[in-house]
Amino acid sequence: MDAQTFIHSLEEEILHHEAVHHPFLKRFASEKLTIEQIQTFGLQHYQLVKVFVNYMTNLLPKIPDKDAADLFRTVFDDEFGQHTIFRSHPALYRNF
């Protein structure tokens, strides 16, 4: 499977995954929430964000296809704040 086919199939899987259609996320997207509610969500979501970069760090060197690795690297760089630690996703959540 080439990189583009893999990405397309992954996107399709994500779009149909039950987590994407979770009632809380629908409510979060459609209702006006208080800052306290948003901060509570951020604190809970941070538990995933803080370990996600570790998963990505371990996965990147194991991607055999160069095109797929290049695509993954763009997401990897974004998670790490485009080479600026203060803009990494974990740092943004900690400062939220």
Protein backbone atom coordinates (compact mmCIF):
# COMPACT_ATOMS: atom_id res chain seq x y z
CA MET A 1 0.00 0.00 0.00
CA ASP A 2 1.44 3.38 -0.93
CA ALA A 3 1.47 6.35 1.45
CA GLN A 4 -1.48 8.17 -0.15
CA THR A 5 -3.69 5.07 -0.06
CA PHE A 6 -2.74 4.45 3.55
CA ILE A 7 -3.51 8.05 4.55
CA HIS A 8 -6.86 7.93 2.75
CA SER A 9 -7.86 4.68 4.44
CA LEU A 10 -6.76 6.05 7.80
CA GLU A 11 -8.82 9.21 7.28
CA GLU A 12 -11.85 7.12 6.38
CA GLU A 13 -11.40 4.99 9.48
CA ILE A 14 -11.12 8.09 11.65
CA LEU A 15 -14.19 9.74 10.14
CA HIS A 16 -16.29 6.68 10.95
CA HIS A 17 -14.85 5.93 14.36
CA GLU A 18 -17.35 6.15 17.23
CA ALA A 19 -15.07 8.47 19.22
CA VAL A 20 -15.40 11.14 16.54
CA HIS A 21 -19.18 10.99 16.90
CA HIS A 22 -19.23 10.92 20.68
CA PRO A 23 -22.15 12.90 22.18
CA PHE A 24 -19.79 14.96 24.32
CA LEU A 25 -17.79 16.11 21.30
CA LYS A 26 -20.98 17.00 19.45
CA ARG A 27 -22.12 19.03 22.45
CA PHE A 28 -18.68 20.61 22.76
CA ALA A 29 -18.87 21.69 19.11
CA SER A 30 -22.44 22.98 19.13
CA GLU A 31 -23.08 24.56 22.54
CA LYS A 32 -21.63 27.58 24.23
CA LEU A 33 -19.52 26.35 27.13
CA THR A 34 -18.13 28.23 30.09
CA ILE A 35 -14.39 28.77 30.42
CA GLU A 36 -14.45 26.39 33.38
CA GLN A 37 -16.00 23.64 31.25
CA ILE A 38 -13.43 24.19 28.52
CA GLN A 39 -10.58 24.14 31.03
CA THR A 40 -11.91 20.92 32.56
CA PHE A 41 -11.96 19.35 29.10
CA GLY A 42 -8.42 20.61 28.49
CA LEU A 43 -7.16 19.12 31.76
CA GLN A 44 -8.67 15.75 30.87
CA HIS A 45 -7.45 15.81 27.27
CA TYR A 46 -3.94 16.73 28.45
CA GLN A 47 -3.64 13.21 29.87
CA LEU A 48 -3.60 11.94 26.27
CA VAL A 49 -1.60 14.81 24.80
CA LYS A 50 1.29 14.46 27.24
CA VAL A 51 1.98 10.83 26.26
CA PHE A 52 1.07 11.10 22.58
CA VAL A 53 4.40 12.69 21.69
CA ASN A 54 6.16 9.67 23.24
CA TYR A 55 4.18 7.35 20.98
CA MET A 56 5.10 9.45 17.97
CA THR A 57 8.77 9.59 18.94
CA ASN A 58 8.90 5.80 19.12
CA LEU A 59 6.95 5.31 15.91
CA LEU A 60 8.77 7.68 13.57
CA PRO A 61 12.01 5.68 13.17
CA LYS A 62 9.98 2.51 12.51
CA ILE A 63 8.17 3.79 9.41
CA PRO A 64 9.84 2.00 6.47
CA ASP A 65 8.26 3.98 3.64
CA LYS A 66 9.97 7.35 3.09
CA ASP A 67 6.84 9.08 1.75
CA ALA A 68 4.77 7.87 4.69
CA ALA A 69 7.52 8.90 7.10
CA ASP A 70 7.61 12.37 5.52
CA LEU A 71 3.84 12.75 5.95
CA PHE A 72 4.08 11.52 9.52
CA ARG A 73 6.95 13.95 10.16
CA THR A 74 4.71 16.94 9.40
CA VAL A 75 2.29 15.85 12.14
CA PHE A 76 5.22 15.03 14.42
CA ASP A 77 6.68 18.52 13.95
CA ASP A 78 3.29 20.09 14.65
CA GLU A 79 2.91 18.12 17.88
CA PHE A 80 6.33 19.34 18.96
CA GLY A 81 5.55 22.96 18.13
CA GLN A 82 7.51 23.26 14.91
CA HIS A 83 10.82 22.92 16.76
CA THR A 84 9.81 25.38 19.49
CA ILE A 85 9.19 23.58 22.77
CA PHE A 86 6.96 26.40 24.06
CA ARG A 87 4.50 25.77 21.23
CA SER A 88 4.40 21.98 21.60
CA HIS A 89 0.94 20.61 22.22
CA PRO A 90 1.76 19.46 25.76
CA ALA A 91 3.12 22.94 26.56
CA LEU A 92 0.02 24.62 25.14
CA TYR A 93 -2.24 22.43 27.27
CA ARG A 94 -0.17 23.03 30.40
CA ASN A 95 -0.44 26.79 29.86
CA PHE A 96 -4.17 26.64 29.14
